[in-house]
């Protein structure tokens, strides 16, 4: 797996070579992130579990491209807002471990405030 900082540098180079930073305010980047996440969901919409399993086996590349688009916007936004996304993820996992203790949450999909 590539280093996250090298990916961010490549994203910034791509953006800056095209003079697109002027369009990348937090609102529009957030909208782009959600739109790309919606494109991930389209791959699974209306499919049964069996159809999804078959679809994934033959469409990994297309799904991967959509996931890459989501990651692109996450990394760009985290850079522009000066947020260390890996540190934020680490803190969020720690927070979720507290909210969803194994002894209460294992095997359940219940929200933390209902456990």
N, C-alpha and C. Protein backbone atom coordinates (compact mmCIF):
# COMPACT_ATOMS: atom_id res chain seq x y z
N UNK A 1 0.84 -1.17 0.00
CA UNK A 1 0.00 0.00 0.00
C UNK A 1 0.89 1.25 0.00
N UNK A 2 0.50 2.21 -0.76
CA UNK A 2 1.28 3.44 -0.86
C UNK A 2 1.18 4.25 0.43
N UNK A 3 2.18 5.05 0.64
CA UNK A 3 2.22 5.97 1.77
C UNK A 3 1.17 7.06 1.56
N UNK A 4 0.42 7.37 2.60
CA UNK A 4 -0.66 8.34 2.49
C UNK A 4 -0.16 9.73 2.10
N UNK A 5 1.00 10.12 2.60
CA UNK A 5 1.54 11.44 2.25
C UNK A 5 1.92 11.54 0.78
N UNK A 6 2.41 10.45 0.21
CA UNK A 6 2.74 10.48 -1.22
C UNK A 6 1.45 10.55 -2.06
N UNK A 7 0.39 9.91 -1.59
CA UNK A 7 -0.90 10.01 -2.29
C UNK A 7 -1.44 11.44 -2.23
N UNK A 8 -1.34 12.07 -1.06
CA UNK A 8 -1.80 13.45 -0.93
C UNK A 8 -1.00 14.37 -1.84
N UNK A 9 0.31 14.19 -1.89
CA UNK A 9 1.15 15.00 -2.78
C UNK A 9 0.72 14.84 -4.23
N UNK A 10 0.43 13.62 -4.61
CA UNK A 10 0.00 13.36 -5.99
C UNK A 10 -1.36 14.00 -6.28
N UNK A 11 -2.27 13.93 -5.33
CA UNK A 11 -3.58 14.57 -5.47
C UNK A 11 -3.40 16.08 -5.63
N UNK A 12 -2.57 16.67 -4.78
CA UNK A 12 -2.35 18.12 -4.85
C UNK A 12 -1.71 18.51 -6.17
N UNK A 13 -0.76 17.73 -6.64
CA UNK A 13 -0.11 17.99 -7.93
C UNK A 13 -1.14 17.95 -9.05
N UNK A 14 -1.98 16.92 -9.04
CA UNK A 14 -3.03 16.78 -10.04
C UNK A 14 -3.94 18.01 -10.03
N UNK A 15 -4.39 18.40 -8.84
CA UNK A 15 -5.28 19.55 -8.70
C UNK A 15 -4.59 20.84 -9.13
N UNK A 16 -3.39 21.05 -8.63
CA UNK A 16 -2.71 22.33 -8.86
C UNK A 16 -2.28 22.51 -10.32
N UNK A 17 -1.91 21.42 -10.99
CA UNK A 17 -1.55 21.52 -12.40
C UNK A 17 -2.74 21.97 -13.25
N UNK A 18 -3.93 21.74 -12.77
CA UNK A 18 -5.14 22.10 -13.50
C UNK A 18 -5.78 23.39 -12.98
N UNK A 19 -5.16 24.00 -11.98
CA UNK A 19 -5.67 25.23 -11.36
C UNK A 19 -7.10 25.05 -10.85
N UNK A 20 -7.33 23.94 -10.17
CA UNK A 20 -8.67 23.63 -9.67
C UNK A 20 -8.86 23.99 -8.20
N UNK A 21 -7.79 24.40 -7.52
CA UNK A 21 -7.93 24.73 -6.09
C UNK A 21 -8.99 25.81 -5.88
N UNK A 22 -9.10 26.70 -6.84
CA UNK A 22 -10.09 27.78 -6.75
C UNK A 22 -11.53 27.26 -6.61
N UNK A 23 -11.77 26.04 -7.03
CA UNK A 23 -13.11 25.45 -6.96
C UNK A 23 -13.31 24.56 -5.73
N UNK A 24 -12.23 24.33 -4.99
CA UNK A 24 -12.26 23.33 -3.93
C UNK A 24 -12.44 23.93 -2.54
N UNK A 25 -13.57 24.58 -2.35
CA UNK A 25 -13.92 25.05 -1.00
C UNK A 25 -14.51 23.86 -0.24
N UNK A 26 -14.52 23.93 1.10
CA UNK A 26 -14.99 22.77 1.88
C UNK A 26 -16.39 22.29 1.50
N UNK A 27 -17.30 23.20 1.19
CA UNK A 27 -18.67 22.79 0.83
C UNK A 27 -18.67 21.93 -0.43
N UNK A 28 -17.99 22.40 -1.46
CA UNK A 28 -18.01 21.67 -2.72
C UNK A 28 -17.21 20.37 -2.67
N UNK A 29 -16.15 20.36 -1.90
CA UNK A 29 -15.40 19.11 -1.72
C UNK A 29 -16.26 18.10 -0.96
N UNK A 30 -16.98 18.56 0.07
CA UNK A 30 -17.87 17.66 0.82
C UNK A 30 -18.97 17.12 -0.09
N UNK A 31 -19.51 17.96 -0.95
CA UNK A 31 -20.54 17.51 -1.89
C UNK A 31 -19.96 16.45 -2.83
N UNK A 32 -18.75 16.69 -3.33
CA UNK A 32 -18.11 15.72 -4.22
C UNK A 32 -17.89 14.39 -3.52
N UNK A 33 -17.51 14.45 -2.25
CA UNK A 33 -17.31 13.24 -1.46
C UNK A 33 -18.60 12.43 -1.37
N UNK A 34 -19.69 13.10 -1.07
CA UNK A 34 -20.98 12.42 -0.94
C UNK A 34 -21.44 11.87 -2.30
N UNK A 35 -21.23 12.63 -3.35
CA UNK A 35 -21.62 12.14 -4.68
C UNK A 35 -20.86 10.88 -5.06
N UNK A 36 -19.57 10.86 -4.76
CA UNK A 36 -18.77 9.66 -5.06
C UNK A 36 -19.20 8.48 -4.19
N UNK A 37 -19.51 8.75 -2.93
CA UNK A 37 -20.00 7.66 -2.05
C UNK A 37 -21.31 7.10 -2.60
N UNK A 38 -22.14 7.97 -3.16
CA UNK A 38 -23.39 7.50 -3.77
C UNK A 38 -23.12 6.59 -4.96
N UNK A 39 -22.05 6.88 -5.70
CA UNK A 39 -21.70 6.03 -6.83
C UNK A 39 -21.24 4.65 -6.36
N UNK A 40 -20.64 4.58 -5.18
CA UNK A 40 -20.31 3.27 -4.61
C UNK A 40 -21.61 2.50 -4.34
N UNK A 41 -22.57 3.18 -3.74
CA UNK A 41 -23.83 2.52 -3.40
C UNK A 41 -24.58 2.02 -4.63
N UNK A 42 -24.46 2.72 -5.74
CA UNK A 42 -25.15 2.31 -6.96
C UNK A 42 -24.77 0.89 -7.39
N UNK A 43 -23.56 0.49 -7.10
CA UNK A 43 -23.13 -0.85 -7.49
C UNK A 43 -23.92 -1.95 -6.78
N UNK A 44 -24.51 -1.62 -5.65
CA UNK A 44 -25.19 -2.64 -4.83
C UNK A 44 -26.71 -2.47 -4.79
N UNK A 45 -27.18 -1.36 -5.27
CA UNK A 45 -28.62 -1.07 -5.20
C UNK A 45 -29.42 -2.13 -5.96
N UNK A 46 -30.49 -2.58 -5.33
CA UNK A 46 -31.47 -3.51 -5.88
C UNK A 46 -30.94 -4.93 -6.09
N UNK A 47 -29.78 -5.23 -5.58
CA UNK A 47 -29.24 -6.58 -5.76
C UNK A 47 -29.42 -7.40 -4.49
N UNK A 48 -29.71 -8.67 -4.66
CA UNK A 48 -29.78 -9.60 -3.53
C UNK A 48 -28.35 -9.92 -3.08
N UNK A 49 -28.23 -10.61 -1.94
CA UNK A 49 -26.90 -11.00 -1.46
C UNK A 49 -26.18 -11.86 -2.50
N UNK A 50 -26.90 -12.76 -3.12
CA UNK A 50 -26.30 -13.62 -4.15
C UNK A 50 -25.85 -12.79 -5.35
N UNK A 51 -26.70 -11.87 -5.79
CA UNK A 51 -26.34 -11.03 -6.93
C UNK A 51 -25.14 -10.14 -6.61
N UNK A 52 -25.07 -9.66 -5.37
CA UNK A 52 -23.93 -8.83 -4.95
C UNK A 52 -22.65 -9.64 -5.01
N UNK A 53 -22.68 -10.86 -4.50
CA UNK A 53 -21.48 -11.71 -4.52
C UNK A 53 -20.99 -11.93 -5.95
N UNK A 54 -21.91 -12.21 -6.85
CA UNK A 54 -21.54 -12.40 -8.25
C UNK A 54 -21.02 -11.11 -8.86
N UNK A 55 -21.72 -10.02 -8.58
CA UNK A 55 -21.36 -8.72 -9.14
C UNK A 55 -19.96 -8.29 -8.69
N UNK A 56 -19.69 -8.44 -7.41
CA UNK A 56 -18.39 -8.04 -6.88
C UNK A 56 -17.27 -8.83 -7.55
N UNK A 57 -17.50 -10.11 -7.77
CA UNK A 57 -16.44 -10.95 -8.36
C UNK A 57 -16.09 -10.51 -9.78
N UNK A 58 -17.00 -9.88 -10.47
CA UNK A 58 -16.74 -9.48 -11.86
C UNK A 58 -16.59 -7.97 -12.04
N UNK A 59 -16.78 -7.19 -10.97
CA UNK A 59 -16.74 -5.73 -11.10
C UNK A 59 -15.85 -5.05 -10.07
N UNK A 60 -14.87 -5.78 -9.55
CA UNK A 60 -13.99 -5.20 -8.52
C UNK A 60 -13.30 -3.94 -8.99
N UNK A 61 -12.88 -3.91 -10.23
CA UNK A 61 -12.16 -2.76 -10.75
C UNK A 61 -13.04 -1.50 -10.72
N UNK A 62 -14.28 -1.64 -11.16
CA UNK A 62 -15.19 -0.49 -11.17
C UNK A 62 -15.52 -0.03 -9.75
N UNK A 63 -15.75 -0.98 -8.86
CA UNK A 63 -16.03 -0.63 -7.46
C UNK A 63 -14.79 0.04 -6.86
N UNK A 64 -13.62 -0.50 -7.17
CA UNK A 64 -12.37 0.08 -6.68
C UNK A 64 -12.18 1.51 -7.15
N UNK A 65 -12.56 1.80 -8.37
CA UNK A 65 -12.46 3.17 -8.88
C UNK A 65 -13.34 4.11 -8.08
N UNK A 66 -14.53 3.67 -7.75
CA UNK A 66 -15.44 4.53 -6.97
C UNK A 66 -14.90 4.71 -5.55
N UNK A 67 -14.38 3.64 -4.95
CA UNK A 67 -13.78 3.78 -3.62
C UNK A 67 -12.57 4.72 -3.67
N UNK A 68 -11.80 4.64 -4.75
CA UNK A 68 -10.66 5.54 -4.92
C UNK A 68 -11.12 7.00 -5.02
N UNK A 69 -12.24 7.23 -5.71
CA UNK A 69 -12.78 8.59 -5.79
C UNK A 69 -13.16 9.11 -4.41
N UNK A 70 -13.77 8.26 -3.59
CA UNK A 70 -14.13 8.65 -2.23
C UNK A 70 -12.87 9.00 -1.44
N UNK A 71 -11.87 8.13 -1.52
CA UNK A 71 -10.63 8.36 -0.79
C UNK A 71 -9.94 9.64 -1.27
N UNK A 72 -9.98 9.89 -2.56
CA UNK A 72 -9.41 11.12 -3.13
C UNK A 72 -9.97 12.34 -2.42
N UNK A 73 -11.29 12.41 -2.31
CA UNK A 73 -11.92 13.58 -1.69
C UNK A 73 -11.68 13.63 -0.19
N UNK A 74 -11.63 12.48 0.47
CA UNK A 74 -11.32 12.46 1.90
C UNK A 74 -9.91 13.01 2.14
N UNK A 75 -8.95 12.53 1.35
CA UNK A 75 -7.57 12.97 1.53
C UNK A 75 -7.40 14.45 1.18
N UNK A 76 -8.07 14.89 0.12
CA UNK A 76 -7.97 16.30 -0.26
C UNK A 76 -8.57 17.20 0.82
N UNK A 77 -9.74 16.83 1.30
CA UNK A 77 -10.40 17.63 2.33
C UNK A 77 -9.60 17.65 3.62
N UNK A 78 -9.08 16.49 4.01
CA UNK A 78 -8.30 16.45 5.25
C UNK A 78 -7.05 17.33 5.11
N UNK A 79 -6.43 17.32 3.94
CA UNK A 79 -5.27 18.19 3.71
C UNK A 79 -5.67 19.66 3.79
N UNK A 80 -6.70 20.02 3.06
CA UNK A 80 -7.11 21.43 2.99
C UNK A 80 -7.57 21.97 4.34
N UNK A 81 -8.14 21.11 5.18
CA UNK A 81 -8.60 21.54 6.51
C UNK A 81 -7.55 21.29 7.59
N UNK A 82 -6.38 20.81 7.17
CA UNK A 82 -5.27 20.54 8.09
C UNK A 82 -5.68 19.57 9.20
N UNK A 83 -6.31 18.48 8.76
CA UNK A 83 -6.73 17.41 9.67
C UNK A 83 -5.91 16.17 9.34
N UNK A 84 -5.24 15.63 10.33
CA UNK A 84 -4.51 14.38 10.15
C UNK A 84 -5.56 13.26 10.19
N UNK A 85 -5.95 12.81 9.02
CA UNK A 85 -7.06 11.86 8.92
C UNK A 85 -6.73 10.52 9.58
N UNK A 86 -5.46 10.11 9.56
CA UNK A 86 -5.10 8.86 10.23
C UNK A 86 -5.20 9.01 11.74
N UNK A 87 -4.79 10.14 12.26
CA UNK A 87 -4.93 10.41 13.70
C UNK A 87 -6.41 10.51 14.07
N UNK A 88 -7.18 11.17 13.23
CA UNK A 88 -8.62 11.28 13.48
C UNK A 88 -9.28 9.91 13.49
N UNK A 89 -8.88 9.05 12.56
CA UNK A 89 -9.42 7.69 12.51
C UNK A 89 -9.04 6.90 13.76
N UNK A 90 -7.79 7.02 14.17
CA UNK A 90 -7.34 6.33 15.37
C UNK A 90 -8.15 6.76 16.59
N UNK A 91 -8.37 8.06 16.73
CA UNK A 91 -9.16 8.57 17.86
C UNK A 91 -10.61 8.10 17.78
N UNK A 92 -11.16 8.06 16.56
CA UNK A 92 -12.55 7.63 16.38
C UNK A 92 -12.71 6.16 16.73
N UNK A 93 -11.75 5.33 16.33
CA UNK A 93 -11.82 3.91 16.68
C UNK A 93 -11.77 3.74 18.20
N UNK A 94 -10.89 4.48 18.86
CA UNK A 94 -10.79 4.42 20.32
C UNK A 94 -12.12 4.83 20.95
N UNK A 95 -12.73 5.88 20.43
CA UNK A 95 -14.02 6.35 20.93
C UNK A 95 -15.10 5.28 20.73
N UNK A 96 -15.10 4.65 19.55
CA UNK A 96 -16.10 3.61 19.27
C UNK A 96 -15.89 2.37 20.13
N UNK A 97 -14.63 2.06 20.45
CA UNK A 97 -14.37 0.93 21.34
C UNK A 97 -15.00 1.16 22.71
N UNK A 98 -15.01 2.41 23.14
CA UNK A 98 -15.64 2.75 24.41
C UNK A 98 -17.16 2.73 24.31
N UNK A 99 -17.68 3.24 23.21
CA UNK A 99 -19.14 3.29 23.01
C UNK A 99 -19.74 1.91 22.77
N UNK A 100 -18.95 1.03 22.19
CA UNK A 100 -19.42 -0.31 21.84
C UNK A 100 -18.53 -1.37 22.48
N UNK A 101 -18.60 -1.53 23.80
CA UNK A 101 -17.78 -2.55 24.46
C UNK A 101 -18.16 -3.94 23.95
N UNK A 102 -17.16 -4.79 23.80
CA UNK A 102 -17.38 -6.12 23.24
C UNK A 102 -18.47 -6.87 23.99
N UNK A 103 -18.42 -6.81 25.32
CA UNK A 103 -19.39 -7.59 26.10
C UNK A 103 -20.84 -7.14 25.88
N UNK A 104 -21.06 -5.91 25.43
CA UNK A 104 -22.43 -5.44 25.15
C UNK A 104 -22.78 -5.48 23.67
N UNK A 105 -21.80 -5.29 22.82
CA UNK A 105 -22.09 -5.08 21.40
C UNK A 105 -21.84 -6.29 20.50
N UNK A 106 -21.13 -7.28 20.99
CA UNK A 106 -20.75 -8.40 20.12
C UNK A 106 -21.97 -9.07 19.50
N UNK A 107 -21.97 -9.14 18.18
CA UNK A 107 -23.04 -9.80 17.44
C UNK A 107 -24.32 -8.99 17.33
N UNK A 108 -24.29 -7.73 17.75
CA UNK A 108 -25.49 -6.89 17.71
C UNK A 108 -25.25 -5.69 16.81
N UNK A 109 -26.32 -5.21 16.20
CA UNK A 109 -26.22 -4.00 15.38
C UNK A 109 -26.88 -2.80 16.07
N UNK A 110 -27.17 -2.96 17.34
CA UNK A 110 -27.84 -1.93 18.13
C UNK A 110 -26.95 -0.71 18.31
N UNK A 111 -27.55 0.48 18.21
CA UNK A 111 -26.80 1.71 18.42
C UNK A 111 -26.34 1.78 19.88
N UNK A 112 -25.19 2.42 20.09
CA UNK A 112 -24.54 2.44 21.41
C UNK A 112 -25.46 2.91 22.53
N UNK A 113 -26.34 3.86 22.26
CA UNK A 113 -27.19 4.39 23.34
C UNK A 113 -28.37 3.47 23.66
N UNK A 114 -28.47 2.36 22.95
CA UNK A 114 -29.54 1.38 23.21
C UNK A 114 -29.00 0.05 23.72
N UNK A 115 -27.69 -0.05 23.88
CA UNK A 115 -27.09 -1.32 24.33
C UNK A 115 -27.40 -1.59 25.79
